[in-house]
Amino acid sequence: MLVLVAPGQGAQTPGFLTEWLDLPGAGERVAAWSDAIGLDLVHYGTKADADAIRDTAVAQPLLVAAGLLSASALGDVAPGAVAGHSVGEITAAAFAGVLDDTAALSLVRKRGLAMADAAAVTETGMAALLGGDPQATVAHLKKLGLTPANVNGAGQIVAAGTKEQLAALEADKPEGVRKVVALKVAGAFHTHHMGPAVDTLAKAAEALTPGDPKVAYVSNKDGQAVATGAEVLERLVGQVANPVRWDLCMETFKELGVTALLEVCPGGTLTGLAKRALPGVKTLALKTPADLDAARELVAEHA
């Protein structure tokens, strides 16, 4: 059984769309998406520097566009389940047929702008903690006023809060944590700092008519498979201010009988977690078009 997954913010790197745009029709397709949402995705995916694509309002639509483009390059894929990490949930909603590509990109454009505005109120950020006991780490973060914004499994928890709180964490790591790594994001996502973005996104969602998922759609909220498009959309709205439970998503993959996990462009983060948390499951990350043949073989064997 194949699970198709989409990465979240921080996975982007300068120029990562360049080779994908060389595929037949890809440039025209991304240009059309750019016109639809008022953002030059071609420029940001090929020529913009790291600081430019770190901007939340840019990074989020860029990641969703990359996921949609790379998945379409595979041809017909029939996964047993789909999921996305944070903003990747919108990509996954398109994979599941809940939203069409244009609706997904329109929603993520509004999401990115709203979260960027919310992040501008206070200087905040996120940092990944590697190693340690999860319960002890969560307790330590709460003591410092930080939120365990991403509980990713495989020994990784992401803390979010103000710059001062993150500095205190660097100076006072939880017992057993090997390393604290600052993430390439511009705010404390999935925390109360994103409250204003929830209201904006809720209004944007009212204009959409979601379809019900055609395959199992595994939600970040609690790792459960969601049966209706209306509930998927409701969870996408609330998700921006609530923690990502990727650990629970991977537990559900196990329960569903996953045998392979394929991560769309810019892949790598979620396959890395799966290698540690899902032993025996084949994994593959779509990074460049050179990975497509191997990905098609994986799909043929497991989908």
C-alpha atoms as a PDB file:
ATOM      1  CA  MET A   1       0.000   0.000   0.000  1.00  0.00           C
ATOM      2  CA  LEU A   2       1.395   3.349  -1.108  1.00  0.00           C
ATOM      3  CA  VAL A   3       1.103   6.580   0.873  1.00  0.00           C
ATOM      4  CA  LEU A   4       1.676   9.802  -1.073  1.00  0.00           C
ATOM      5  CA  VAL A   5       2.877  12.671   1.133  1.00  0.00           C
ATOM      6  CA  ALA A   6       3.716  16.364   0.705  1.00  0.00           C
ATOM      7  CA  PRO A   7       6.318  18.287   2.740  1.00  0.00           C
ATOM      8  CA  GLY A   8       5.807  21.511   4.674  1.00  0.00           C
ATOM      9  CA  GLN A   9       7.487  24.876   4.937  1.00  0.00           C
ATOM     10  CA  GLY A  10      11.259  24.868   5.231  1.00  0.00           C
ATOM     11  CA  ALA A  11      11.703  22.187   2.563  1.00  0.00           C
ATOM     12  CA  GLN A  12      12.182  24.796  -0.185  1.00  0.00           C
ATOM     13  CA  THR A  13      15.653  25.680  -1.516  1.00  0.00           C
ATOM     14  CA  PRO A  14      16.730  28.259  -4.125  1.00  0.00           C
ATOM     15  CA  GLY A  15      16.185  27.088  -7.692  1.00  0.00           C
ATOM     16  CA  PHE A  16      14.483  23.806  -6.755  1.00  0.00           C
ATOM     17  CA  LEU A  17      11.827  24.143  -9.486  1.00  0.00           C
ATOM     18  CA  THR A  18      14.290  24.810 -12.325  1.00  0.00           C
ATOM     19  CA  GLU A  19      14.628  21.266 -13.647  1.00  0.00           C
ATOM     20  CA  TRP A  20      10.925  20.534 -13.183  1.00  0.00           C
ATOM     21  CA  LEU A  21      10.032  23.449 -15.442  1.00  0.00           C
ATOM     22  CA  ASP A  22      11.998  21.823 -18.271  1.00  0.00           C
ATOM     23  CA  LEU A  23       9.371  19.057 -18.480  1.00  0.00           C
ATOM     24  CA  PRO A  24       6.887  19.363 -21.369  1.00  0.00           C
ATOM     25  CA  GLY A  25       4.089  21.802 -20.523  1.00  0.00           C
ATOM     26  CA  ALA A  26       5.352  22.440 -16.975  1.00  0.00           C
ATOM     27  CA  GLY A  27       6.405  26.049 -17.538  1.00  0.00           C
ATOM     28  CA  GLU A  28       3.060  26.954 -19.085  1.00  0.00           C
ATOM     29  CA  ARG A  29       1.162  25.244 -16.305  1.00  0.00           C
ATOM     30  CA  VAL A  30       3.049  27.030 -13.524  1.00  0.00           C
ATOM     31  CA  ALA A  31       2.756  30.341 -15.382  1.00  0.00           C
ATOM     32  CA  ALA A  32      -1.023  29.869 -15.498  1.00  0.00           C
ATOM     33  CA  TRP A  33      -1.082  29.148 -11.756  1.00  0.00           C
ATOM     34  CA  SER A  34       1.018  32.282 -11.206  1.00  0.00           C
ATOM     35  CA  ASP A  35      -1.524  34.387 -13.077  1.00  0.00           C
ATOM     36  CA  ALA A  36      -4.394  32.812 -11.137  1.00  0.00           C
ATOM     37  CA  ILE A  37      -2.980  33.687  -7.709  1.00  0.00           C
ATOM     38  CA  GLY A  38      -1.014  36.845  -8.496  1.00  0.00           C
ATOM     39  CA  LEU A  39       2.416  35.451  -7.602  1.00  0.00           C
ATOM     40  CA  ASP A  40       5.299  34.700  -9.985  1.00  0.00           C
ATOM     41  CA  LEU A  41       5.931  31.084  -9.035  1.00  0.00           C
ATOM     42  CA  VAL A  42       8.343  30.599 -11.943  1.00  0.00           C
ATOM     43  CA  HIS A  43      10.603  33.390 -10.704  1.00  0.00           C
ATOM     44  CA  TYR A  44      10.507  32.275  -7.078  1.00  0.00           C
ATOM     45  CA  GLY A  45      11.087  28.636  -7.973  1.00  0.00           C
ATOM     46  CA  THR A  46      14.092  29.325 -10.214  1.00  0.00           C
ATOM     47  CA  LYS A  47      15.821  32.674  -9.595  1.00  0.00           C
ATOM     48  CA  ALA A  48      14.879  33.932  -6.123  1.00  0.00           C
ATOM     49  CA  ASP A  49      17.352  33.621  -3.253  1.00  0.00           C
ATOM     50  CA  ALA A  50      16.868  31.850   0.070  1.00  0.00           C
ATOM     51  CA  ASP A  51      15.621  34.951   1.883  1.00  0.00           C
ATOM     52  CA  ALA A  52      12.991  35.648  -0.771  1.00  0.00           C
ATOM     53  CA  ILE A  53      11.534  32.135  -0.653  1.00  0.00           C
ATOM     54  CA  ARG A  54      11.651  32.072   3.139  1.00  0.00           C
ATOM     55  CA  ASP A  55       8.835  34.633   3.095  1.00  0.00           C
ATOM     56  CA  THR A  56       5.746  32.756   4.261  1.00  0.00           C
ATOM     57  CA  ALA A  57       3.537  34.376   1.620  1.00  0.00           C
ATOM     58  CA  VAL A  58       5.880  33.033  -1.079  1.00  0.00           C
ATOM     59  CA  ALA A  59       7.037  29.722   0.393  1.00  0.00           C
ATOM     60  CA  GLN A  60       3.605  28.214   0.936  1.00  0.00           C
ATOM     61  CA  PRO A  61       2.181  28.600  -2.600  1.00  0.00           C
ATOM     62  CA  LEU A  62       5.562  27.609  -4.022  1.00  0.00           C
ATOM     63  CA  LEU A  63       5.570  24.345  -2.070  1.00  0.00           C
ATOM     64  CA  VAL A  64       2.026  23.442  -3.057  1.00  0.00           C
ATOM     65  CA  ALA A  65       2.767  24.212  -6.721  1.00  0.00           C
ATOM     66  CA  ALA A  66       5.904  22.034  -6.589  1.00  0.00           C
ATOM     67  CA  GLY A  67       3.983  19.163  -5.050  1.00  0.00           C
ATOM     68  CA  LEU A  68       1.214  19.319  -7.634  1.00  0.00           C
ATOM     69  CA  LEU A  69       3.652  19.629 -10.524  1.00  0.00           C
ATOM     70  CA  SER A  70       5.880  16.741  -9.457  1.00  0.00           C
ATOM     71  CA  ALA A  71       2.933  14.445  -8.736  1.00  0.00           C
ATOM     72  CA  SER A  72       1.392  15.147 -12.139  1.00  0.00           C
ATOM     73  CA  ALA A  73       4.725  14.267 -13.778  1.00  0.00           C
ATOM     74  CA  LEU A  74       4.368  10.732 -12.372  1.00  0.00           C
ATOM     75  CA  GLY A  75       1.238  10.092 -14.428  1.00  0.00           C
ATOM     76  CA  ASP A  76      -1.754   8.259 -12.947  1.00  0.00           C
ATOM     77  CA  VAL A  77      -1.116   7.298  -9.323  1.00  0.00           C
ATOM     78  CA  ALA A  78      -3.612   5.479  -7.094  1.00  0.00           C
ATOM     79  CA  PRO A  79      -2.249   5.705  -3.534  1.00  0.00           C
ATOM     80  CA  GLY A  80      -3.961   4.013  -0.638  1.00  0.00           C
ATOM     81  CA  ALA A  81      -3.687   7.188   1.428  1.00  0.00           C
ATOM     82  CA  VAL A  82      -2.452  10.770   1.213  1.00  0.00           C
ATOM     83  CA  ALA A  83      -1.190  13.209   3.819  1.00  0.00           C
ATOM     84  CA  GLY A  84       0.793  16.415   4.042  1.00  0.00           C
ATOM     85  CA  HIS A  85       2.856  18.097   6.719  1.00  0.00           C
ATOM     86  CA  SER A  86       1.439  21.522   7.659  1.00  0.00           C
ATOM     87  CA  VAL A  87       0.964  23.443   4.392  1.00  0.00           C
ATOM     88  CA  GLY A  88       1.471  20.110   2.637  1.00  0.00           C
ATOM     89  CA  GLU A  89      -2.037  19.217   3.816  1.00  0.00           C
ATOM     90  CA  ILE A  90      -3.398  21.530   1.106  1.00  0.00           C
ATOM     91  CA  THR A  91      -1.330  19.666  -1.497  1.00  0.00           C
ATOM     92  CA  ALA A  92      -2.701  16.396  -0.115  1.00  0.00           C
ATOM     93  CA  ALA A  93      -6.261  17.770  -0.319  1.00  0.00           C
ATOM     94  CA  ALA A  94      -5.719  18.254  -4.049  1.00  0.00           C
ATOM     95  CA  PHE A  95      -4.301  14.708  -4.373  1.00  0.00           C
ATOM     96  CA  ALA A  96      -7.441  13.374  -2.677  1.00  0.00           C
ATOM     97  CA  GLY A  97      -9.795  15.316  -4.949  1.00  0.00           C
ATOM     98  CA  VAL A  98     -11.067  17.550  -2.137  1.00  0.00           C
ATOM     99  CA  LEU A  99      -9.839  20.663  -4.002  1.00  0.00           C
ATOM    100  CA  ASP A 100      -8.846  21.173  -7.613  1.00  0.00           C
ATOM    101  CA  ASP A 101      -5.386  22.579  -8.308  1.00  0.00           C
ATOM    102  CA  THR A 102      -6.525  26.182  -8.744  1.00  0.00           C
ATOM    103  CA  ALA A 103      -8.644  26.122  -5.583  1.00  0.00           C
ATOM    104  CA  ALA A 104      -5.748  24.623  -3.613  1.00  0.00           C
ATOM    105  CA  LEU A 105      -3.357  27.317  -4.826  1.00  0.00           C
ATOM    106  CA  SER A 106      -5.863  30.091  -4.202  1.00  0.00           C
ATOM    107  CA  LEU A 107      -6.410  28.848  -0.651  1.00  0.00           C
ATOM    108  CA  VAL A 108      -2.703  28.474   0.082  1.00  0.00           C
ATOM    109  CA  ARG A 109      -1.993  31.952  -1.292  1.00  0.00           C
ATOM    110  CA  LYS A 110      -4.485  33.402   1.188  1.00  0.00           C
ATOM    111  CA  ARG A 111      -3.110  31.167   3.937  1.00  0.00           C
ATOM    112  CA  GLY A 112       0.448  32.317   3.324  1.00  0.00           C
ATOM    113  CA  LEU A 113      -0.491  36.008   3.323  1.00  0.00           C
ATOM    114  CA  ALA A 114      -2.596  35.656   6.480  1.00  0.00           C
ATOM    115  CA  MET A 115       0.118  33.740   8.344  1.00  0.00           C
ATOM    116  CA  ALA A 116       2.766  36.247   7.235  1.00  0.00           C
ATOM    117  CA  ASP A 117       0.617  39.074   8.608  1.00  0.00           C
ATOM    118  CA  ALA A 118       0.118  37.201  11.886  1.00  0.00           C
ATOM    119  CA  ALA A 119       3.853  36.497  12.139  1.00  0.00           C
ATOM    120  CA  ALA A 120       4.668  40.193  11.668  1.00  0.00           C
ATOM    121  CA  VAL A 121       2.940  41.136  14.937  1.00  0.00           C
ATOM    122  CA  THR A 122       5.659  39.596  17.124  1.00  0.00           C
ATOM    123  CA  GLU A 123       9.149  38.328  16.229  1.00  0.00           C
ATOM    124  CA  THR A 124       8.758  34.570  16.442  1.00  0.00           C
ATOM    125  CA  GLY A 125      10.258  31.404  14.986  1.00  0.00           C
ATOM    126  CA  MET A 126      10.620  27.639  15.221  1.00  0.00           C
ATOM    127  CA  ALA A 127      13.396  25.188  16.074  1.00  0.00           C
ATOM    128  CA  ALA A 128      13.673  21.405  15.744  1.00  0.00           C
ATOM    129  CA  LEU A 129      14.813  19.395  18.747  1.00  0.00           C
ATOM    130  CA  LEU A 130      16.552  16.122  17.985  1.00  0.00           C
ATOM    131  CA  GLY A 131      16.607  13.277  20.497  1.00  0.00           C
ATOM    132  CA  GLY A 132      15.393  13.140  24.069  1.00  0.00           C
ATOM    133  CA  ASP A 133      12.257  11.760  25.694  1.00  0.00           C
ATOM    134  CA  PRO A 134       9.122  13.252  24.060  1.00  0.00           C
ATOM    135  CA  GLN A 135       7.168  13.697  27.295  1.00  0.00           C
ATOM    136  CA  ALA A 136      10.089  15.310  29.096  1.00  0.00           C
ATOM    137  CA  THR A 137      10.780  17.555  26.090  1.00  0.00           C
ATOM    138  CA  VAL A 138       7.167  18.750  25.866  1.00  0.00           C
ATOM    139  CA  ALA A 139       7.123  19.525  29.604  1.00  0.00           C
ATOM    140  CA  HIS A 140      10.383  21.477  29.298  1.00  0.00           C
ATOM    141  CA  LEU A 141       9.078  23.494  26.340  1.00  0.00           C
ATOM    142  CA  LYS A 142       5.926  24.448  28.215  1.00  0.00           C
ATOM    143  CA  LYS A 143       8.042  25.558  31.158  1.00  0.00           C
ATOM    144  CA  LEU A 144       9.854  27.965  28.825  1.00  0.00           C
ATOM    145  CA  GLY A 145       6.551  29.217  27.359  1.00  0.00           C
ATOM    146  CA  LEU A 146       7.150  27.446  24.030  1.00  0.00           C
ATOM    147  CA  THR A 147       4.637  25.348  22.089  1.00  0.00           C
ATOM    148  CA  PRO A 148       5.441  21.832  20.781  1.00  0.00           C
ATOM    149  CA  ALA A 149       4.129  22.908  17.367  1.00  0.00           C
ATOM    150  CA  ASN A 150       5.177  19.801  15.392  1.00  0.00           C
ATOM    151  CA  VAL A 151       5.373  16.414  17.080  1.00  0.00           C
ATOM    152  CA  ASN A 152       7.017  14.605  14.199  1.00  0.00           C
ATOM    153  CA  GLY A 153       7.937  11.243  15.685  1.00  0.00           C
ATOM    154  CA  ALA A 154      11.293   9.563  15.064  1.00  0.00           C
ATOM    155  CA  GLY A 155      12.830  11.564  17.901  1.00  0.00           C
ATOM    156  CA  GLN A 156      11.923  15.009  16.562  1.00  0.00           C
ATOM    157  CA  ILE A 157       9.779  17.752  18.088  1.00  0.00           C
ATOM    158  CA  VAL A 158       9.593  21.313  16.760  1.00  0.00           C
ATOM    159  CA  ALA A 159       9.258  24.148  19.266  1.00  0.00           C
ATOM    160  CA  ALA A 160       7.660  27.478  18.377  1.00  0.00           C
ATOM    161  CA  GLY A 161       7.525  30.812  20.176  1.00  0.00           C
ATOM    162  CA  THR A 162       9.144  34.197  20.472  1.00  0.00           C
ATOM    163  CA  LYS A 163      12.805  34.791  19.631  1.00  0.00           C
ATOM    164  CA  GLU A 164      13.493  35.312  23.351  1.00  0.00           C
ATOM    165  CA  GLN A 165      11.880  31.989  24.237  1.00  0.00           C
ATOM    166  CA  LEU A 166      13.847  30.202  21.528  1.00  0.00           C
ATOM    167  CA  ALA A 167      17.079  31.782  22.793  1.00  0.00           C
ATOM    168  CA  ALA A 168      16.260  30.493  26.274  1.00  0.00           C
ATOM    169  CA  LEU A 169      15.749  27.015  24.785  1.00  0.00           C
ATOM    170  CA  GLU A 170      19.152  27.131  23.088  1.00  0.00           C
ATOM    171  CA  ALA A 171      20.720  27.960  26.455  1.00  0.00           C
ATOM    172  CA  ASP A 172      18.659  25.394  28.372  1.00  0.00           C
ATOM    173  CA  LYS A 173      17.989  22.300  26.240  1.00  0.00           C
ATOM    174  CA  PRO A 174      15.777  19.492  27.581  1.00  0.00           C
ATOM    175  CA  GLU A 175      17.655  16.527  28.971  1.00  0.00           C
ATOM    176  CA  GLY A 176      18.686  14.086  26.253  1.00  0.00           C
ATOM    177  CA  VAL A 177      18.172  16.512  23.363  1.00  0.00           C
ATOM    178  CA  ARG A 178      21.261  16.346  21.154  1.00  0.00           C
ATOM    179  CA  LYS A 179      20.683  19.390  19.035  1.00  0.00           C
ATOM    180  CA  VAL A 180      18.431  22.420  18.534  1.00  0.00           C
ATOM    181  CA  VAL A 181      18.172  23.495  14.874  1.00  0.00           C
ATOM    182  CA  ALA A 182      16.551  26.785  13.829  1.00  0.00           C
ATOM    183  CA  LEU A 183      14.108  26.280  10.945  1.00  0.00           C
ATOM    184  CA  LYS A 184      13.822  28.306   7.733  1.00  0.00           C
ATOM    185  CA  VAL A 185      10.420  29.730   8.612  1.00  0.00           C
ATOM    186  CA  ALA A 186       9.319  33.262   9.458  1.00  0.00           C
ATOM    187  CA  GLY A 187       6.958  32.715  12.366  1.00  0.00           C
ATOM    188  CA  ALA A 188       5.648  30.534  15.189  1.00  0.00           C
ATOM    189  CA  PHE A 189       3.271  28.467  13.090  1.00  0.00           C
ATOM    190  CA  HIS A 190       0.714  26.136  14.671  1.00  0.00           C
ATOM    191  CA  THR A 191       0.555  28.240  17.850  1.00  0.00           C
ATOM    192  CA  HIS A 192      -1.717  30.915  19.312  1.00  0.00           C
ATOM    193  CA  HIS A 193       0.398  33.499  17.454  1.00  0.00           C
ATOM    194  CA  MET A 194      -1.444  32.411  14.280  1.00  0.00           C
ATOM    195  CA  GLY A 195      -4.924  33.087  15.698  1.00  0.00           C
ATOM    196  CA  PRO A 196      -5.672  36.023  13.340  1.00  0.00           C
ATOM    197  CA  ALA A 197      -4.876  33.838  10.317  1.00  0.00           C
ATOM    198  CA  VAL A 198      -7.561  31.330  11.327  1.00  0.00           C
ATOM    199  CA  ASP A 199     -10.303  33.951  10.915  1.00  0.00           C
ATOM    200  CA  THR A 200      -8.990  35.013   7.502  1.00  0.00           C
ATOM    201  CA  LEU A 201      -8.726  31.438   6.290  1.00  0.00           C
ATOM    202  CA  ALA A 202     -12.207  30.577   7.528  1.00  0.00           C
ATOM    203  CA  LYS A 203     -13.653  33.340   5.354  1.00  0.00           C
ATOM    204  CA  ALA A 204     -11.642  32.137   2.345  1.00  0.00           C
ATOM    205  CA  ALA A 205     -12.876  28.580   2.882  1.00  0.00           C
ATOM    206  CA  GLU A 206     -16.506  29.684   2.743  1.00  0.00           C
ATOM    207  CA  ALA A 207     -16.106  30.367  -0.981  1.00  0.00           C
ATOM    208  CA  LEU A 208     -14.942  26.807  -1.729  1.00  0.00           C
ATOM    209  CA  THR A 209     -17.001  23.711  -2.546  1.00  0.00           C
ATOM    210  CA  PRO A 210     -14.899  20.739  -1.444  1.00  0.00           C
ATOM    211  CA  GLY A 211     -15.356  17.217  -2.746  1.00  0.00           C
ATOM    212  CA  ASP A 212     -15.149  14.187  -0.480  1.00  0.00           C
ATOM    213  CA  PRO A 213     -11.737  12.458  -0.426  1.00  0.00           C
ATOM    214  CA  LYS A 214     -11.357   9.746  -3.073  1.00  0.00           C
ATOM    215  CA  VAL A 215      -8.649   8.052  -1.005  1.00  0.00           C
ATOM    216  CA  ALA A 216      -7.880   8.008   2.720  1.00  0.00           C
ATOM    217  CA  TYR A 217      -6.917  11.560   3.768  1.00  0.00           C
ATOM    218  CA  VAL A 218      -4.868  11.415   6.976  1.00  0.00           C
ATOM    219  CA  SER A 219      -5.101  14.610   9.031  1.00  0.00           C
ATOM    220  CA  ASN A 220      -2.353  16.364  10.994  1.00  0.00           C
ATOM    221  CA  LYS A 221      -4.813  17.202  13.769  1.00  0.00           C
ATOM    222  CA  ASP A 222      -4.972  13.704  15.231  1.00  0.00           C
ATOM    223  CA  GLY A 223      -3.671  11.290  12.606  1.00  0.00           C
ATOM    224  CA  GLN A 224      -7.187  10.176  11.723  1.00  0.00           C
ATOM    225  CA  ALA A 225      -8.518   9.552   8.221  1.00  0.00           C
ATOM    226  CA  VAL A 226     -11.177  12.134   7.349  1.00  0.00           C
ATOM    227  CA  ALA A 227     -14.226  11.031   5.379  1.00  0.00           C
ATOM    228  CA  THR A 228     -15.772  14.271   4.094  1.00  0.00           C
ATOM    229  CA  GLY A 229     -14.466  17.260   2.168  1.00  0.00           C
ATOM    230  CA  ALA A 230     -16.240  19.643   4.528  1.00  0.00           C
ATOM    231  CA  GLU A 231     -14.313  18.234   7.491  1.00  0.00           C
ATOM    232  CA  VAL A 232     -11.018  18.326   5.581  1.00  0.00           C
ATOM    233  CA  LEU A 233     -11.586  22.024   4.877  1.00  0.00           C
ATOM    234  CA  GLU A 234     -12.553  22.723   8.487  1.00  0.00           C
ATOM    235  CA  ARG A 235      -9.374  21.034   9.695  1.00  0.00           C
ATOM    236  CA  LEU A 236      -7.232  22.949   7.176  1.00  0.00           C
ATOM    237  CA  VAL A 237      -8.547  26.188   8.651  1.00  0.00           C
ATOM    238  CA  GLY A 238      -7.991  25.286  12.298  1.00  0.00           C
ATOM    239  CA  GLN A 239      -4.641  23.624  11.621  1.00  0.00           C
ATOM    240  CA  VAL A 240      -2.701  26.879  11.255  1.00  0.00           C
ATOM    241  CA  ALA A 241      -3.007  27.569  15.000  1.00  0.00           C
ATOM    242  CA  ASN A 242      -2.845  23.971  16.260  1.00  0.00           C
ATOM    243  CA  PRO A 243       0.052  21.498  16.546  1.00  0.00           C
ATOM    244  CA  VAL A 244       0.966  19.117  13.725  1.00  0.00           C
ATOM    245  CA  ARG A 245       0.847  15.510  14.911  1.00  0.00           C
ATOM    246  CA  TRP A 246       2.892  13.825  12.197  1.00  0.00           C
ATOM    247  CA  ASP A 247       3.754  11.074  14.672  1.00  0.00           C
ATOM    248  CA  LEU A 248       0.081  10.089  14.769  1.00  0.00           C
ATOM    249  CA  CYS A 249      -0.158  10.280  10.970  1.00  0.00           C
ATOM    250  CA  MET A 250       2.656   7.729  10.702  1.00  0.00           C
ATOM    251  CA  GLU A 251       0.910   5.498  13.239  1.00  0.00           C
ATOM    252  CA  THR A 252      -2.166   5.552  11.005  1.00  0.00           C
ATOM    253  CA  PHE A 253      -0.034   4.691   7.976  1.00  0.00           C
ATOM    254  CA  LYS A 254       1.068   1.580   9.888  1.00  0.00           C
ATOM    255  CA  GLU A 255      -2.527   0.666  10.727  1.00  0.00           C
ATOM    256  CA  LEU A 256      -3.515   1.045   7.068  1.00  0.00           C
ATOM    257  CA  GLY A 257      -0.760  -1.389   6.088  1.00  0.00           C
ATOM    258  CA  VAL A 258       1.666   0.977   4.364  1.00  0.00           C
ATOM    259  CA  THR A 259       4.425  -0.723   2.384  1.00  0.00           C
ATOM    260  CA  ALA A 260       5.834   2.325   0.561  1.00  0.00           C
ATOM    261  CA  LEU A 261       5.904   6.088   1.085  1.00  0.00           C
ATOM    262  CA  LEU A 262       6.492   8.535  -1.765  1.00  0.00           C
ATOM    263  CA  GLU A 263       7.214  12.197  -0.958  1.00  0.00           C
ATOM    264  CA  VAL A 264       6.586  14.772  -3.675  1.00  0.00           C
ATOM    265  CA  CYS A 265       8.945  17.659  -4.478  1.00  0.00           C
ATOM    266  CA  PRO A 266      10.796  19.078  -2.609  1.00  0.00           C
ATOM    267  CA  GLY A 267      11.041  15.698  -0.931  1.00  0.00           C
ATOM    268  CA  GLY A 268      13.417  14.511   1.761  1.00  0.00           C
ATOM    269  CA  THR A 269      12.108  15.609   5.157  1.00  0.00           C
ATOM    270  CA  LEU A 270       9.190  13.205   5.494  1.00  0.00           C
ATOM    271  CA  THR A 271      11.052  10.272   3.968  1.00  0.00           C
ATOM    272  CA  GLY A 272      13.789  10.882   6.531  1.00  0.00           C
ATOM    273  CA  LEU A 273      11.255  10.623   9.363  1.00  0.00           C
ATOM    274  CA  ALA A 274       9.677   7.531   7.805  1.00  0.00           C
ATOM    275  CA  LYS A 275      13.014   5.727   7.542  1.00  0.00           C
ATOM    276  CA  ARG A 276      13.340   5.958  11.319  1.00  0.00           C
ATOM    277  CA  ALA A 277       9.699   5.525  12.352  1.00  0.00           C
ATOM    278  CA  LEU A 278       8.453   3.052   9.717  1.00  0.00           C
ATOM    279  CA  PRO A 279      11.095   0.307   9.456  1.00  0.00           C
ATOM    280  CA  GLY A 280      10.600  -2.013   6.510  1.00  0.00           C
ATOM    281  CA  VAL A 281       8.609   0.568   4.532  1.00  0.00           C
ATOM    282  CA  LYS A 282      10.183   1.560   1.215  1.00  0.00           C
ATOM    283  CA  THR A 283      10.628   5.320   0.838  1.00  0.00           C
ATOM    284  CA  LEU A 284      11.429   7.616  -2.046  1.00  0.00           C
ATOM    285  CA  ALA A 285      11.713  11.411  -2.248  1.00  0.00           C
ATOM    286  CA  LEU A 286      11.029  13.262  -5.497  1.00  0.00           C
ATOM    287  CA  LYS A 287      13.761  15.882  -5.596  1.00  0.00           C
ATOM    288  CA  THR A 288      14.394  16.279  -9.329  1.00  0.00           C
ATOM    289  CA  PRO A 289      12.913  14.768 -12.515  1.00  0.00           C
ATOM    290  CA  ALA A 290      15.792  12.271 -12.402  1.00  0.00           C
ATOM    291  CA  ASP A 291      13.852  10.550  -9.586  1.00  0.00           C
ATOM    292  CA  LEU A 292      10.733   9.973 -11.691  1.00  0.00           C
ATOM    293  CA  ASP A 293      11.669   6.566 -13.125  1.00  0.00           C
ATOM    294  CA  ALA A 294      12.399   5.137  -9.691  1.00  0.00           C
ATOM    295  CA  ALA A 295       9.191   6.688  -8.372  1.00  0.00           C
ATOM    296  CA  ARG A 296       7.136   5.120 -11.153  1.00  0.00           C
ATOM    297  CA  GLU A 297       8.642   1.728 -10.324  1.00  0.00           C
ATOM    298  CA  LEU A 298       7.669   2.213  -6.666  1.00  0.00           C
ATOM    299  CA  VAL A 299       4.137   3.194  -7.695  1.00  0.00           C
ATOM    300  CA  ALA A 300       3.813   0.161  -9.984  1.00  0.00           C
ATOM    301  CA  GLU A 301       4.905  -2.161  -7.191  1.00  0.00           C
ATOM    302  CA  HIS A 302       2.913  -0.704  -4.278  1.00  0.00           C
ATOM    303  CA  ALA A 303      -0.040   1.412  -5.475  1.00  0.00           C
END
